[in-house]
Protein backbone atom coordinates (compact mmCIF):
# COMPACT_ATOMS: atom_id res chain seq x y z
CA UNK A 1 -0.24 0.27 -0.05
CA UNK A 2 1.27 3.67 -0.87
CA UNK A 3 0.58 6.74 0.82
CA UNK A 4 0.52 10.29 -0.41
CA UNK A 5 3.48 12.36 0.26
CA UNK A 6 4.06 15.91 0.58
CA UNK A 7 6.42 17.51 -2.49
CA UNK A 8 9.33 19.31 -1.55
CA UNK A 9 12.13 21.21 -3.58
CA UNK A 10 15.61 20.52 -3.22
CA UNK A 11 18.39 22.27 -4.71
CA UNK A 12 19.76 20.64 -7.46
CA UNK A 13 16.72 18.19 -8.10
CA UNK A 14 17.10 16.59 -11.36
CA UNK A 15 14.21 15.32 -13.45
CA UNK A 16 14.42 11.73 -12.32
CA UNK A 17 14.25 12.93 -8.54
CA UNK A 18 11.04 15.17 -9.61
CA UNK A 19 9.40 11.98 -11.26
CA UNK A 20 10.41 9.80 -8.30
CA UNK A 21 8.10 12.30 -5.78
CA UNK A 22 5.29 12.20 -8.66
CA UNK A 23 4.84 8.70 -7.70
CA UNK A 24 3.27 9.63 -4.39
CA UNK A 25 1.90 12.92 -5.55
CA UNK A 26 -1.48 12.18 -6.75
CA UNK A 27 -3.98 12.44 -9.91
CA UNK A 28 -1.85 12.63 -13.60
CA UNK A 29 1.52 13.00 -11.79
CA UNK A 30 0.84 9.19 -10.62
CA UNK A 31 0.45 7.91 -14.22
CA UNK A 32 3.26 10.04 -15.58
CA UNK A 33 5.32 8.16 -13.07
CA UNK A 34 4.22 4.88 -14.06
CA UNK A 35 4.57 5.93 -17.56
CA UNK A 36 8.09 6.29 -16.93
CA UNK A 37 8.67 3.09 -15.15
CA UNK A 38 6.75 0.93 -17.71
CA UNK A 39 8.90 2.98 -20.45
CA UNK A 40 12.28 1.87 -18.23
CA UNK A 41 11.20 -1.91 -17.97
CA UNK A 42 10.16 -1.99 -21.83
CA UNK A 43 13.63 -1.28 -22.84
CA UNK A 44 15.66 -3.50 -19.91
CA UNK A 45 13.65 -6.55 -20.89
CA UNK A 46 14.21 -6.05 -24.41
CA UNK A 47 10.96 -5.06 -25.68
CA UNK A 48 10.44 -4.36 -29.46
CA UNK A 49 9.53 -0.57 -28.76
CA UNK A 50 6.90 1.02 -30.95
CA UNK A 51 6.95 5.08 -31.01
CA UNK A 52 4.01 6.19 -32.80
CA UNK A 53 3.05 10.22 -32.73
CA UNK A 54 0.94 12.57 -34.89
CA UNK A 55 2.23 15.35 -37.34
CA UNK A 56 1.52 18.12 -35.05
CA UNK A 57 4.56 16.84 -32.82
CA UNK A 58 6.90 17.25 -35.52
CA UNK A 59 5.67 20.61 -36.30
CA UNK A 60 6.47 21.59 -32.65
CA UNK A 61 10.31 20.54 -31.48
CA UNK A 62 9.54 16.74 -30.65
CA UNK A 63 10.82 16.28 -33.77
CA UNK A 64 14.56 16.30 -32.50
CA UNK A 65 13.73 14.64 -29.75
CA UNK A 66 12.17 11.46 -31.73
CA UNK A 67 14.94 11.31 -33.86
CA UNK A 68 17.16 11.06 -30.46
CA UNK A 69 15.61 8.40 -29.59
CA UNK A 70 15.90 6.61 -32.69
CA UNK A 71 19.71 7.21 -32.48
CA UNK A 72 19.82 6.02 -28.68
CA UNK A 73 18.01 2.50 -29.76
CA UNK A 74 14.99 3.66 -27.90
CA UNK A 75 12.84 3.11 -30.33
CA UNK A 76 12.44 -0.09 -32.95
CA UNK A 77 9.32 0.96 -35.31
CA UNK A 78 7.99 3.93 -35.97
CA UNK A 79 4.48 4.90 -36.90
CA UNK A 80 3.49 8.28 -37.92
CA UNK A 81 1.09 10.36 -40.43
CA UNK A 82 1.62 12.28 -43.73
CA UNK A 83 2.67 15.49 -41.91
CA UNK A 84 5.25 14.54 -39.89
CA UNK A 85 7.35 13.07 -43.27
CA UNK A 86 6.35 16.52 -44.85
CA UNK A 87 7.72 18.67 -42.40
CA UNK A 88 10.41 16.63 -41.11
CA UNK A 89 11.90 16.69 -44.80
CA UNK A 90 10.97 20.96 -44.54
CA UNK A 91 12.99 21.21 -41.92
CA UNK A 92 15.81 18.86 -42.94
CA UNK A 93 16.06 20.97 -45.76
CA UNK A 94 16.42 24.31 -43.73
CA UNK A 95 12.85 25.40 -43.23
CA UNK A 96 11.98 26.83 -39.83
CA UNK A 97 8.44 27.29 -38.39
CA UNK A 98 7.02 30.65 -36.74
CA UNK A 99 6.05 30.41 -32.87
CA UNK A 100 2.66 32.58 -33.27
CA UNK A 101 -0.65 32.44 -30.89
CA UNK A 102 -3.58 30.27 -30.77
CA UNK A 103 -5.69 33.55 -30.88
CA UNK A 104 -4.60 35.04 -33.88
CA UNK A 105 -6.56 35.68 -36.85
CA UNK A 106 -6.92 33.16 -38.88
CA UNK A 107 -8.31 35.16 -42.20
CA UNK A 108 -5.46 37.66 -41.69
CA UNK A 109 -3.29 34.42 -41.83
CA UNK A 110 -4.61 32.91 -44.71
CA UNK A 111 -4.34 36.05 -46.84
CA UNK A 112 -0.56 36.45 -45.88
CA UNK A 113 0.20 32.92 -46.87
CA UNK A 114 0.19 31.38 -43.71
CA UNK A 115 -1.12 28.04 -41.92
CA UNK A 116 -1.48 28.06 -38.61
CA UNK A 117 -1.42 24.40 -36.13
CA UNK A 118 -2.22 25.79 -32.41
CA UNK A 119 0.46 28.47 -31.88
CA UNK A 120 2.86 27.22 -34.28
CA UNK A 121 2.73 29.25 -38.20
CA UNK A 122 4.18 27.21 -41.61
CA UNK A 123 4.64 29.50 -44.12
CA UNK A 124 3.41 28.87 -47.91
CA UNK A 125 6.69 29.02 -48.97
CA UNK A 126 7.49 25.89 -46.75
CA UNK A 127 5.02 24.40 -49.03
CA UNK A 128 6.28 25.13 -52.45
CA UNK A 129 10.09 24.41 -51.26
CA UNK A 130 9.06 20.78 -50.49
CA UNK A 131 7.23 20.77 -53.93
CA UNK A 132 10.84 20.99 -55.59
CA UNK A 133 12.23 18.72 -53.03
CA UNK A 134 9.68 16.00 -53.52
CA UNK A 135 10.30 16.24 -57.52
CA UNK A 136 13.85 15.62 -56.91
CA UNK A 137 13.16 12.84 -54.45
CA UNK A 138 10.74 10.95 -56.48
CA UNK A 139 12.86 11.15 -59.54
CA UNK A 140 15.36 9.81 -57.51
CA UNK A 141 13.84 6.38 -56.27
CA UNK A 142 11.82 5.99 -59.53
CA UNK A 143 15.29 5.83 -61.30
CA UNK A 144 16.09 2.69 -59.26
CA UNK A 145 12.55 1.07 -59.59
CA UNK A 146 8.80 1.98 -59.90
CA UNK A 147 7.11 -0.05 -57.23
CA UNK A 148 7.99 1.08 -53.51
CA UNK A 149 6.00 0.26 -50.47
CA UNK A 150 5.75 3.27 -48.41
CA UNK A 151 8.51 2.55 -45.50
CA UNK A 152 10.75 1.52 -48.19
CA UNK A 153 10.29 5.10 -49.95
CA UNK A 154 10.80 6.50 -46.81
CA UNK A 155 14.04 4.94 -46.03
CA UNK A 156 15.32 6.26 -49.58
CA UNK A 157 14.25 9.97 -48.51
CA UNK A 158 16.05 9.62 -45.29
CA UNK A 159 19.40 8.06 -46.77
CA UNK A 160 19.25 11.36 -48.70
CA UNK A 161 19.34 13.95 -46.01
CA UNK A 162 21.98 14.90 -44.09
CA UNK A 163 20.41 16.23 -41.05
CA UNK A 164 20.97 14.52 -37.78
CA UNK A 165 17.98 16.29 -36.21
CA UNK A 166 15.88 14.50 -38.88
CA UNK A 167 13.63 11.48 -37.73
CA UNK A 168 13.90 9.45 -41.29
CA UNK A 169 18.13 10.23 -41.72
CA UNK A 170 18.50 8.84 -37.85
CA UNK A 171 15.91 5.88 -38.73
CA UNK A 172 17.16 4.97 -42.14
CA UNK A 173 20.90 4.39 -40.97
CA UNK A 174 19.61 2.39 -37.93
CA UNK A 175 17.14 0.65 -40.21
CA UNK A 176 14.20 1.39 -38.26
CA UNK A 177 11.44 1.34 -40.23
CA UNK A 178 8.90 4.30 -40.90
CA UNK A 179 5.06 3.67 -41.41
CA UNK A 180 3.00 5.78 -43.02
CA UNK A 181 -0.23 4.22 -43.26
CA UNK A 182 -2.10 7.22 -44.29
CA UNK A 183 0.39 8.57 -46.68
CA UNK A 184 -1.85 10.65 -49.14
CA UNK A 185 -3.32 12.44 -46.44
CA UNK A 186 -1.25 15.73 -46.96
CA UNK A 187 0.57 17.45 -49.60
CA UNK A 188 3.00 14.69 -49.75
CA UNK A 189 -0.17 12.35 -51.43
CA UNK A 190 -0.74 15.24 -53.88
CA UNK A 191 3.03 14.80 -54.90
CA UNK A 192 2.92 11.33 -55.41
CA UNK A 193 -0.24 11.70 -57.20
CA UNK A 194 1.44 14.25 -59.47
CA UNK A 195 4.35 12.13 -60.08
CA UNK A 196 2.30 9.14 -61.39
CA UNK A 197 0.81 11.10 -63.67
CA UNK A 198 3.47 11.35 -65.55
CA UNK A 199 5.02 8.01 -64.52
CA UNK A 200 1.74 5.60 -64.98
CA UNK A 201 3.89 2.32 -63.52
CA UNK A 202 4.83 4.47 -60.66
CA UNK A 203 2.99 2.95 -57.59
CA UNK A 204 3.18 2.92 -53.70
CA UNK A 205 2.13 -0.05 -52.34
CA UNK A 206 0.20 0.29 -48.67
CA UNK A 207 -0.71 -3.30 -48.55
CA UNK A 208 2.88 -4.34 -49.04
CA UNK A 209 3.90 -2.01 -46.14
CA UNK A 210 0.90 -3.71 -43.72
CA UNK A 211 2.39 -6.80 -44.25
CA UNK A 212 5.99 -5.50 -43.28
CA UNK A 213 4.92 -4.14 -40.09
CA UNK A 214 2.73 -7.62 -39.64
CA UNK A 215 6.37 -9.16 -39.97
CA UNK A 216 8.38 -6.37 -37.86
CA UNK A 217 7.47 -8.84 -34.70
CA UNK A 218 6.25 -11.82 -33.86
CA UNK A 219 3.85 -13.54 -31.31
CA UNK A 220 6.89 -14.62 -29.01
CA UNK A 221 8.37 -11.16 -29.19
CA UNK A 222 7.83 -9.29 -26.22
CA UNK A 223 6.06 -5.75 -27.74
CA UNK A 224 5.93 -2.23 -26.32
CA UNK A 225 4.36 0.99 -27.44
CA UNK A 226 4.67 4.66 -26.44
CA UNK A 227 2.03 6.51 -28.29
CA UNK A 228 1.96 10.08 -28.51
CA UNK A 229 -1.63 11.51 -29.47
CA UNK A 230 -3.99 8.65 -31.31
CA UNK A 231 -5.01 9.01 -34.74
CA UNK A 232 -3.96 6.18 -37.35
CA UNK A 233 -0.65 6.09 -36.20
CA UNK A 234 -1.68 4.34 -32.89
CA UNK A 235 -3.96 2.00 -33.93
CA UNK A 236 -1.70 1.06 -36.94
CA UNK A 237 0.76 -0.43 -34.20
CA UNK A 238 -2.07 -1.63 -31.84
CA UNK A 239 -3.72 -3.51 -34.86
CA UNK A 240 0.15 -4.75 -35.97
CA UNK A 241 0.11 -6.03 -32.36
CA UNK A 242 -3.09 -7.71 -32.21
CA UNK A 243 -2.15 -9.92 -34.67
CA UNK A 244 0.90 -10.78 -32.78
CA UNK A 245 -0.64 -11.38 -29.38
CA UNK A 246 -1.15 -7.81 -28.10
CA UNK A 247 1.30 -5.12 -26.53
CA UNK A 248 3.11 -6.30 -23.05
CA UNK A 249 3.82 -2.81 -22.43
CA UNK A 250 1.64 0.41 -22.97
CA UNK A 251 2.13 4.03 -22.42
CA UNK A 252 -0.31 6.27 -24.19
CA UNK A 253 0.07 10.37 -23.59
CA UNK A 254 -2.72 12.14 -25.08
CA UNK A 255 -4.76 14.96 -24.95
CA UNK A 256 -8.01 13.35 -25.75
CA UNK A 257 -10.87 11.59 -23.14
CA UNK A 258 -12.06 8.03 -23.15
CA UNK A 259 -15.67 9.86 -23.15
CA UNK A 260 -15.90 10.70 -27.14
CA UNK A 261 -15.30 6.95 -27.75
CA UNK A 262 -12.50 7.95 -29.97
CA UNK A 263 -9.23 6.04 -31.27
CA UNK A 264 -7.11 8.90 -29.88
CA UNK A 265 -9.56 8.81 -26.24
CA UNK A 266 -9.48 5.29 -25.82
CA UNK A 267 -7.26 4.37 -22.76
CA UNK A 268 -4.70 1.24 -22.28
CA UNK A 269 -7.65 -0.75 -20.26
CA UNK A 270 -9.96 -0.24 -23.38
CA UNK A 271 -7.34 -1.60 -25.65
CA UNK A 272 -7.15 -5.14 -23.44
CA UNK A 273 -11.01 -5.62 -24.53
CA UNK A 274 -9.89 -6.04 -27.81
CA UNK A 275 -6.58 -8.13 -27.12
CA UNK A 276 -4.44 -5.09 -28.43
CA UNK A 277 -2.87 -5.08 -24.98
CA UNK A 278 -2.14 -7.95 -23.31
CA UNK A 279 -4.97 -8.69 -19.97
CA UNK A 280 -1.73 -8.64 -17.40
CA UNK A 281 0.16 -6.07 -19.24
CA UNK A 282 2.10 -2.79 -17.23
CA UNK A 283 -0.02 0.18 -18.85
CA UNK A 284 -0.10 3.80 -18.30
CA UNK A 285 -2.37 6.60 -19.73
CA UNK A 286 -1.54 10.20 -19.22
CA UNK A 287 -4.00 13.04 -19.99
CA UNK A 288 -1.80 16.25 -20.83
CA UNK A 289 -0.16 18.35 -23.32
CA UNK A 290 2.56 15.91 -24.86
CA UNK A 291 5.00 18.70 -25.69
CA UNK A 292 4.94 18.73 -21.46
CA UNK A 293 4.38 15.74 -20.35
CA UNK A 294 6.83 13.59 -22.85
CA UNK A 295 9.99 15.37 -22.37
CA UNK A 296 9.49 14.76 -18.56
CA UNK A 297 8.52 11.09 -18.92
CA UNK A 298 11.50 10.58 -21.59
CA UNK A 299 14.34 12.60 -20.13
CA UNK A 300 13.44 10.77 -16.49
CA UNK A 301 13.53 7.29 -18.34
CA UNK A 302 16.59 8.04 -19.81
CA UNK A 303 18.66 9.30 -16.99
CA UNK A 304 17.78 6.25 -15.10
CA UNK A 305 18.77 3.55 -18.22
CA UNK A 306 22.06 5.81 -18.72
CA UNK A 307 22.78 6.14 -14.98
CA UNK A 308 22.38 2.09 -15.33
CA UNK A 309 24.65 1.44 -18.73
CA UNK A 310 21.48 0.63 -20.52
CA UNK A 311 22.12 3.07 -23.31
CA UNK A 312 24.83 5.54 -23.53
CA UNK A 313 24.18 9.02 -23.71
């Protein structure tokens, strides 16, 4: 039995020590501390770790952290959405996004050619430059062969980049597959369509990629998921695990609530009813802004894993 303990500041307190105190504080702080402990456990026990995230997190500064986690061996399989691919490539080519306001005048932004993602601004010029980049990337892979699975294509893109803070760059160099089941759901989908008009034999095969994610683990593997946000990226990983016995460890960090009945709000407990998460698995669902909760959780986990020599930081 655990009891509530008062939280006290101490000079020089590290995030890891703060998170230890969170485990006795109450409410979401306990879920946060549990999430840290589960991530540490899944890494120590050799689980194959799925890291899933939505595109808005790559719009933010979390993009570099995701790339670093790949380089540290903290993610074996990535699943994301089309916007994340676009914006990772944009940033790799030097594009910078602006910090704005949630209360900005959106009609005025439209007239200025600025697109708003919460309080972050992406200029139309960034998409125009992305169009030029994509033309070159698609021409390059087409010269090698006309038919690609999505993850194969994204690996080729990653190998062409020269930015160590890029998710695709790090994943390609460490043979970490990047799955994007809804690859057409964004600007990149339009560029794939236009390229195919000039090259009718060019095919991006999403069904082949589904086979690849299914074979990325087996029934006997220990499997863990760190799911940031929801959407198709979360469900694609869980569905793959469902067909291979379910996840042994599951950490969800989201702003969505279960009352919506959505995949984004579905908790780790709800996943047990489907067999996506094993009934005896270690789980934690944290409600809160991922740009706040995830750095706290993962830095605390990395500190512990580094102190114990499990990873080299």
